[in-house]
Amino acid sequence: MLRAGWLRGAVVLALLLAARVVAAFEPITVGLAIGAASAITGYLSYNDIYCRFAECCREERPLNASGTARASALKLDLEEKLFGQHLATEVILKALTGFRNNKNPKKPLTLSLHGWAGTGKNFVSQIVAENLHPKGLKSNFVHLFVSTLHFPHEQKIKLYQDQLQKWIRGNVSACANSVFIFDEMDKLHPGIIDAIKPFLDYYEQVDGVSYRKAIFIFLSNAGGDLITKTALDFWRAGRKREDIQLKDLEPVLSVGVFNNKHSGLWHSGLIDKNLIDYFIPFLPLEYRHVKMCVRAEMRARGSAIDEDIVTRVAEEMTFYPKDEKIYSDKGCKTVQSRLDFH
């Protein structure tokens, strides 16, 4: 009896090792090996084992599922790695947790992130991607579009619209909870983004495909000046930046972006039909936040924290307004390159 159990275990191990070796070359062979292992044991799950060797689309992956700490991990990532953005941290955590824990959402989750360069928009999209799909931006189910790279020519708008619809339709068909990130929205030619309007609406299906579990994230510098003006008004009134609430910025931001010809959302049906769930402001970063970015970069490089270097790098940045010098006009965007010189 013991010998039979040992032999069965050895065979299963051999089959799984073989599957691992060929995983990068032949998914069908992986399937055959796993199928054989399942047949021998009678209790191994094909999907569970297959997904150890190949990336799978886990449609039922709530952020606070029992026995996991995904919601806590997302919260920790945002609170520890994102500096000076209390609004973004709060809204993104609540929006994502609520959406992913809803088994029957009525529409895809659509977030529009706005603010000056270097305030953390791209960084947040990376954090979100990693918490939703283990491979993050490298996942087959996370799709990044950069306006100047993927949609450079104004005369090809119709072609881009068609390509975009086909790409999104195909990928959502393959994985319902796909993530689509659109960077440099402020450089996107007007009209292109409206091609995906049917996918963001309250439809149960569009041409046989449901988009309700997908997530769309827009990143834009548009509206950054409006956000900075509000933050500056609070500062001049002697109020803390943490006192700024979403209601102080979101209405102004949505109207400002809608009327901005260089926002990518100029007169867009996405705004007109209220299909963007949250306009999330990223506040301009102060001197203390830049120093936090420098320390974080030094830790990421495995370097000891040298406060003299932290101060020198922070002081090399340029600040706005000219007289008061409160906010870094590039946020933390050039911290990495500046640290290379020290």
Protein backbone atom coordinates (compact mmCIF):
# COMPACT_ATOMS: atom_id res chain seq x y z
CA MET A 1 0.00 0.00 0.00
CA LEU A 2 2.74 2.41 0.99
CA ARG A 3 4.82 1.37 -2.01
CA ALA A 4 1.87 2.00 -4.37
CA GLY A 5 1.32 5.46 -2.85
CA TRP A 6 5.01 6.27 -3.18
CA LEU A 7 5.05 5.19 -6.83
CA ARG A 8 1.95 7.23 -7.62
CA GLY A 9 3.52 10.30 -6.00
CA ALA A 10 6.74 9.79 -7.96
CA VAL A 11 4.86 9.52 -11.25
CA VAL A 12 2.87 12.69 -10.53
CA LEU A 13 6.04 14.56 -9.59
CA ALA A 14 7.75 13.44 -12.80
CA LEU A 15 4.77 14.54 -14.90
CA LEU A 16 4.61 17.94 -13.23
CA LEU A 17 8.35 18.47 -13.61
CA ALA A 18 8.03 17.61 -17.28
CA ALA A 19 5.19 20.08 -17.60
CA ARG A 20 7.30 22.79 -16.02
CA VAL A 21 10.18 22.18 -18.41
CA VAL A 22 8.01 22.49 -21.51
CA ALA A 23 5.69 25.21 -20.19
CA ALA A 24 7.47 27.93 -22.10
CA PHE A 25 7.35 26.03 -25.37
CA GLU A 26 4.20 23.96 -25.70
CA PRO A 27 1.03 24.68 -23.71
CA ILE A 28 -0.69 21.59 -25.19
CA THR A 29 2.04 19.36 -23.78
CA VAL A 30 1.58 21.07 -20.41
CA GLY A 31 -2.11 20.29 -20.59
CA LEU A 32 -1.46 16.63 -21.41
CA ALA A 33 0.98 16.26 -18.53
CA ILE A 34 -1.39 17.88 -16.06
CA GLY A 35 -4.29 15.83 -17.38
CA ALA A 36 -2.28 12.67 -16.86
CA ALA A 37 -1.41 13.71 -13.32
CA SER A 38 -5.06 14.44 -12.59
CA ALA A 39 -6.10 11.04 -13.97
CA ILE A 40 -3.54 9.23 -11.82
CA THR A 41 -4.37 10.98 -8.56
CA GLY A 42 -8.06 11.46 -9.14
CA TYR A 43 -8.11 14.66 -7.10
CA LEU A 44 -5.75 17.21 -8.67
CA SER A 45 -7.52 20.19 -10.27
CA TYR A 46 -6.52 20.80 -13.88
CA ASN A 47 -6.98 24.56 -13.57
CA ASP A 48 -5.14 24.86 -10.27
CA ILE A 49 -2.11 22.98 -11.53
CA TYR A 50 -2.08 24.50 -15.01
CA CYS A 51 -2.14 28.01 -13.52
CA ARG A 52 1.09 27.25 -11.65
CA PHE A 53 2.91 27.09 -14.96
CA ALA A 54 0.96 29.51 -17.15
CA GLU A 55 -0.80 32.80 -16.43
CA CYS A 56 -4.54 32.35 -15.98
CA CYS A 57 -7.39 34.82 -15.89
CA ARG A 58 -8.85 34.50 -12.41
CA GLU A 59 -12.30 35.97 -12.82
CA GLU A 60 -13.25 35.38 -9.20
CA ARG A 61 -10.44 37.25 -7.48
CA PRO A 62 -11.96 39.67 -4.95
CA LEU A 63 -9.52 42.00 -3.24
CA ASN A 64 -10.59 40.94 0.24
CA ALA A 65 -11.33 37.29 -0.43
CA SER A 66 -11.38 35.01 2.58
CA GLY A 67 -7.94 33.66 3.35
CA THR A 68 -6.08 36.37 1.40
CA ALA A 69 -4.71 39.81 2.18
CA ARG A 70 -5.06 41.41 -1.24
CA ALA A 71 -7.08 44.40 -0.03
CA SER A 72 -4.59 44.93 2.79
CA ALA A 73 -1.71 44.59 0.32
CA LEU A 74 -3.21 47.24 -1.98
CA LYS A 75 -3.81 49.55 0.98
CA LEU A 76 -0.25 49.03 2.21
CA ASP A 77 1.22 49.65 -1.25
CA LEU A 78 -0.68 52.89 -1.68
CA GLU A 79 0.02 54.19 1.82
CA GLU A 80 3.71 53.28 1.88
CA LYS A 81 4.76 53.94 -1.73
CA LEU A 82 2.58 56.85 -2.82
CA PHE A 83 3.56 60.17 -1.25
CA GLY A 84 1.36 63.20 -0.63
CA GLN A 85 -1.75 61.79 -2.31
CA HIS A 86 -4.36 61.20 0.40
CA LEU A 87 -7.24 61.68 -2.05
CA ALA A 88 -5.92 59.24 -4.64
CA THR A 89 -5.12 56.64 -1.99
CA GLU A 90 -8.59 56.82 -0.44
CA VAL A 91 -10.61 56.89 -3.67
CA ILE A 92 -8.65 54.21 -5.53
CA LEU A 93 -8.72 51.80 -2.58
CA LYS A 94 -12.47 52.19 -2.08
CA ALA A 95 -13.29 52.10 -5.80
CA LEU A 96 -11.24 48.99 -6.57
CA THR A 97 -12.22 47.07 -3.46
CA GLY A 98 -15.90 47.78 -3.95
CA PHE A 99 -15.80 46.95 -7.65
CA ARG A 100 -13.87 43.69 -7.38
CA ASN A 101 -16.02 42.47 -4.50
CA ASN A 102 -19.21 43.11 -6.46
CA LYS A 103 -20.11 39.85 -8.20
CA ASN A 104 -22.50 41.58 -10.59
CA PRO A 105 -21.28 45.08 -11.51
CA LYS A 106 -23.54 47.06 -13.83
CA LYS A 107 -20.68 48.57 -15.83
CA PRO A 108 -16.88 48.48 -16.06
CA LEU A 109 -14.92 50.52 -13.52
CA THR A 110 -13.56 53.66 -15.20
CA LEU A 111 -11.05 55.90 -13.42
CA SER A 112 -9.52 59.11 -14.75
CA LEU A 113 -6.32 60.20 -12.99
CA HIS A 114 -5.24 63.83 -13.33
CA GLY A 115 -2.35 65.96 -12.17
CA TRP A 116 1.05 67.39 -12.98
CA ALA A 117 3.81 65.11 -14.23
CA GLY A 118 5.69 63.20 -11.55
CA THR A 119 2.86 63.17 -9.01
CA GLY A 120 2.37 59.38 -9.11
CA LYS A 121 -0.28 58.59 -11.74
CA ASN A 122 1.80 56.04 -13.66
CA PHE A 123 3.12 54.62 -10.41
CA VAL A 124 -0.42 54.08 -9.13
CA SER A 125 -1.47 52.34 -12.36
CA GLN A 126 1.47 49.98 -11.85
CA ILE A 127 0.45 49.29 -8.24
CA VAL A 128 -3.13 48.64 -9.30
CA ALA A 129 -2.04 46.29 -12.10
CA GLU A 130 0.19 44.29 -9.75
CA ASN A 131 -2.58 43.90 -7.19
CA LEU A 132 -5.12 42.75 -9.78
CA HIS A 133 -2.83 40.48 -11.83
CA PRO A 134 0.37 39.01 -10.32
CA LYS A 135 2.52 39.91 -13.36
CA GLY A 136 1.42 43.52 -13.27
CA LEU A 137 2.13 45.51 -16.41
CA LYS A 138 3.74 42.40 -17.92
CA SER A 139 0.50 40.44 -17.58
CA ASN A 140 -1.33 39.25 -20.68
CA PHE A 141 -4.45 40.72 -19.11
CA VAL A 142 -3.12 44.25 -18.53
CA HIS A 143 -2.94 46.47 -21.62
CA LEU A 144 -1.07 49.77 -21.73
CA PHE A 145 -1.72 52.31 -24.49
CA VAL A 146 0.52 55.36 -24.89
CA SER A 147 -1.06 58.06 -27.03
CA THR A 148 2.11 59.27 -28.75
CA LEU A 149 3.18 55.69 -29.49
CA HIS A 150 -0.04 53.91 -30.42
CA PHE A 151 -2.12 56.78 -31.84
CA PRO A 152 0.35 59.30 -33.27
CA HIS A 153 -1.35 60.41 -36.52
CA GLU A 154 -4.43 62.62 -36.53
CA GLN A 155 -5.38 61.55 -40.05
CA LYS A 156 -5.70 57.92 -38.92
CA ILE A 157 -8.31 58.44 -36.21
CA LYS A 158 -10.86 56.12 -37.85
CA LEU A 159 -8.27 53.36 -38.18
CA TYR A 160 -7.24 53.77 -34.53
CA GLN A 161 -10.86 53.62 -33.41
CA ASP A 162 -11.44 50.37 -35.29
CA GLN A 163 -8.20 48.83 -34.02
CA LEU A 164 -8.96 49.87 -30.45
CA GLN A 165 -12.42 48.34 -30.51
CA LYS A 166 -11.12 45.05 -31.92
CA TRP A 167 -8.28 44.88 -29.41
CA ILE A 168 -10.50 45.51 -26.40
CA ARG A 169 -13.25 43.19 -27.64
CA GLY A 170 -10.77 40.35 -28.25
CA ASN A 171 -9.02 40.71 -24.91
CA VAL A 172 -12.16 41.04 -22.80
CA SER A 173 -13.51 37.96 -24.59
CA ALA A 174 -10.39 36.11 -23.41
CA CYS A 175 -10.39 37.58 -19.89
CA ALA A 176 -13.43 39.37 -18.49
CA ASN A 177 -11.45 41.24 -15.82
CA SER A 178 -8.86 42.70 -18.18
CA VAL A 179 -7.30 46.05 -17.30
CA PHE A 180 -6.78 48.79 -19.91
CA ILE A 181 -4.52 51.77 -19.13
CA PHE A 182 -4.42 54.82 -21.39
CA ASP A 183 -1.38 56.99 -20.73
CA GLU A 184 -0.85 60.55 -22.03
CA MET A 185 -4.56 61.15 -22.50
CA ASP A 186 -3.80 64.86 -22.85
CA LYS A 187 -1.91 64.02 -26.07
CA LEU A 188 -4.68 61.82 -27.52
CA HIS A 189 -6.44 63.18 -30.59
CA PRO A 190 -10.06 64.19 -29.80
CA GLY A 191 -12.61 61.54 -30.69
CA ILE A 192 -10.40 58.45 -30.48
CA ILE A 193 -11.42 57.51 -26.95
CA ASP A 194 -15.14 57.76 -27.78
CA ALA A 195 -14.70 54.57 -29.81
CA ILE A 196 -14.81 52.61 -26.56
CA LYS A 197 -17.93 54.38 -25.21
CA PRO A 198 -20.24 51.35 -25.81
CA PHE A 199 -17.89 49.19 -23.75
CA LEU A 200 -18.06 51.53 -20.75
CA ASP A 201 -21.83 51.91 -20.73
CA TYR A 202 -24.52 50.08 -18.74
CA TYR A 203 -25.02 47.30 -21.27
CA GLU A 204 -25.25 43.69 -20.21
CA GLN A 205 -23.46 42.71 -23.43
CA VAL A 206 -22.20 44.34 -26.60
CA ASP A 207 -22.16 41.97 -29.58
CA GLY A 208 -22.22 38.99 -27.24
CA VAL A 209 -19.41 40.21 -24.97
CA SER A 210 -19.83 41.51 -21.42
CA TYR A 211 -17.43 44.29 -20.40
CA ARG A 212 -18.84 44.75 -16.91
CA LYS A 213 -15.86 43.26 -15.06
CA ALA A 214 -13.16 45.12 -17.00
CA ILE A 215 -11.28 48.14 -15.63
CA PHE A 216 -10.30 51.23 -17.64
CA ILE A 217 -7.79 53.75 -16.30
CA PHE A 218 -6.99 57.09 -17.98
CA LEU A 219 -3.82 59.02 -17.07
CA SER A 220 -3.60 62.70 -17.94
CA ASN A 221 -1.71 65.89 -17.10
CA ALA A 222 -4.83 67.83 -18.10
CA GLY A 223 -6.45 69.53 -15.15
CA GLY A 224 -3.13 69.73 -13.32
CA ASP A 225 -3.21 73.52 -13.17
CA LEU A 226 -6.75 73.48 -11.74
CA ILE A 227 -5.66 71.03 -9.06
CA THR A 228 -2.58 73.10 -8.23
CA LYS A 229 -4.65 76.28 -7.95
CA THR A 230 -6.97 74.65 -5.43
CA ALA A 231 -4.04 73.27 -3.43
CA LEU A 232 -2.37 76.70 -3.47
CA ASP A 233 -5.58 78.40 -2.29
CA PHE A 234 -5.71 76.01 0.65
CA TRP A 235 -2.06 76.66 1.49
CA ARG A 236 -2.46 80.44 1.32
CA ALA A 237 -5.52 80.18 3.57
CA GLY A 238 -3.42 78.34 6.15
CA ARG A 239 -5.26 75.05 5.63
CA LYS A 240 -3.61 71.62 5.43
CA ARG A 241 -3.49 69.80 2.10
CA GLU A 242 -5.06 66.84 3.89
CA ASP A 243 -8.17 69.03 4.35
CA ILE A 244 -8.76 69.00 0.59
CA GLN A 245 -11.65 66.69 -0.22
CA LEU A 246 -12.72 65.06 -3.46
CA LYS A 247 -15.77 67.33 -3.63
CA ASP A 248 -13.45 70.35 -3.72
CA LEU A 249 -11.88 69.18 -6.98
CA GLU A 250 -13.89 66.53 -8.85
CA PRO A 251 -16.67 68.79 -10.27
CA VAL A 252 -14.21 71.46 -11.41
CA LEU A 253 -11.91 68.80 -12.82
CA SER A 254 -14.57 67.02 -14.90
CA VAL A 255 -15.84 70.30 -16.40
CA GLY A 256 -12.31 71.56 -17.03
CA VAL A 257 -11.26 68.37 -18.80
CA PHE A 258 -14.48 68.27 -20.85
CA ASN A 259 -13.82 71.81 -22.13
CA ASN A 260 -10.09 71.33 -22.69
CA LYS A 261 -9.24 70.62 -26.34
CA HIS A 262 -5.97 69.03 -25.23
CA SER A 263 -7.34 66.63 -22.63
CA GLY A 264 -8.22 63.68 -24.88
CA LEU A 265 -11.71 63.95 -23.40
CA TRP A 266 -12.75 67.20 -25.07
CA HIS A 267 -16.55 67.13 -25.48
CA SER A 268 -16.33 63.37 -24.94
CA GLY A 269 -19.44 61.25 -24.58
CA LEU A 270 -17.66 59.46 -21.74
CA ILE A 271 -18.07 62.59 -19.61
CA ASP A 272 -21.34 63.74 -21.14
CA LYS A 273 -22.96 60.37 -20.31
CA ASN A 274 -21.31 60.12 -16.88
CA LEU A 275 -19.41 56.95 -17.78
CA ILE A 276 -16.26 57.92 -15.87
CA ASP A 277 -16.83 56.76 -12.31
CA TYR A 278 -14.17 58.87 -10.60
CA PHE A 279 -12.03 61.85 -11.58
CA ILE A 280 -9.08 61.41 -9.23
CA PRO A 281 -6.88 64.45 -8.56
CA PHE A 282 -3.17 64.04 -7.86
CA LEU A 283 -1.97 66.99 -5.81
CA PRO A 284 1.31 68.80 -6.58
CA LEU A 285 4.19 67.56 -4.43
CA GLU A 286 5.92 69.67 -1.82
CA TYR A 287 9.61 69.71 -0.88
CA ARG A 288 9.04 67.14 1.90
CA HIS A 289 7.39 64.76 -0.56
CA VAL A 290 10.32 65.02 -2.95
CA LYS A 291 12.64 64.03 -0.12
CA MET A 292 10.42 61.01 0.55
CA CYS A 293 10.76 60.04 -3.12
CA VAL A 294 14.56 60.30 -2.91
CA ARG A 295 14.68 58.08 0.16
CA ALA A 296 12.40 55.52 -1.49
CA GLU A 297 14.63 55.43 -4.58
CA MET A 298 17.74 54.97 -2.45
CA ARG A 299 16.09 52.06 -0.63
CA ALA A 300 15.06 50.54 -3.96
CA ARG A 301 18.71 50.65 -5.05
CA GLY A 302 19.85 49.00 -1.85
CA SER A 303 21.72 52.12 -0.75
CA ALA A 304 21.97 53.45 2.78
CA ILE A 305 19.91 56.59 3.34
CA ASP A 306 22.23 59.60 3.28
CA GLU A 307 20.24 62.65 4.37
CA ASP A 308 22.83 65.04 2.89
CA ILE A 309 22.27 63.52 -0.54
CA VAL A 310 18.50 63.49 0.01
CA THR A 311 18.59 67.22 0.72
CA ARG A 312 20.88 68.03 -2.22
CA VAL A 313 18.71 66.14 -4.72
CA ALA A 314 15.54 67.77 -3.39
CA GLU A 315 17.09 71.24 -3.56
CA GLU A 316 18.08 70.73 -7.20
CA MET A 317 14.41 70.53 -8.19
CA THR A 318 12.56 73.63 -9.38
CA PHE A 319 9.53 74.81 -7.45
CA TYR A 320 6.34 76.77 -8.12
CA PRO A 321 5.27 79.57 -7.66
CA LYS A 322 8.51 81.47 -8.20
CA ASP A 323 8.17 83.52 -5.04
CA GLU A 324 6.75 80.97 -2.61
CA LYS A 325 8.38 77.86 -4.09
CA ILE A 326 5.91 75.37 -2.63
CA TYR A 327 5.40 72.68 -5.26
CA SER A 328 7.91 70.76 -7.37
CA ASP A 329 6.94 71.53 -10.96
CA LYS A 330 8.11 68.07 -12.06
CA GLY A 331 6.97 66.23 -8.96
CA CYS A 332 9.33 63.31 -8.42
CA LYS A 333 9.78 62.59 -12.12
CA THR A 334 13.51 63.42 -12.32
CA VAL A 335 14.53 62.02 -8.94
CA GLN A 336 16.06 58.84 -10.40
CA SER A 337 18.24 60.63 -12.94
CA ARG A 338 19.35 63.28 -10.45
CA LEU A 339 20.28 60.66 -7.88
CA ASP A 340 22.64 59.11 -10.46
CA PHE A 341 24.89 62.18 -10.09
CA HIS A 342 25.41 61.70 -6.34
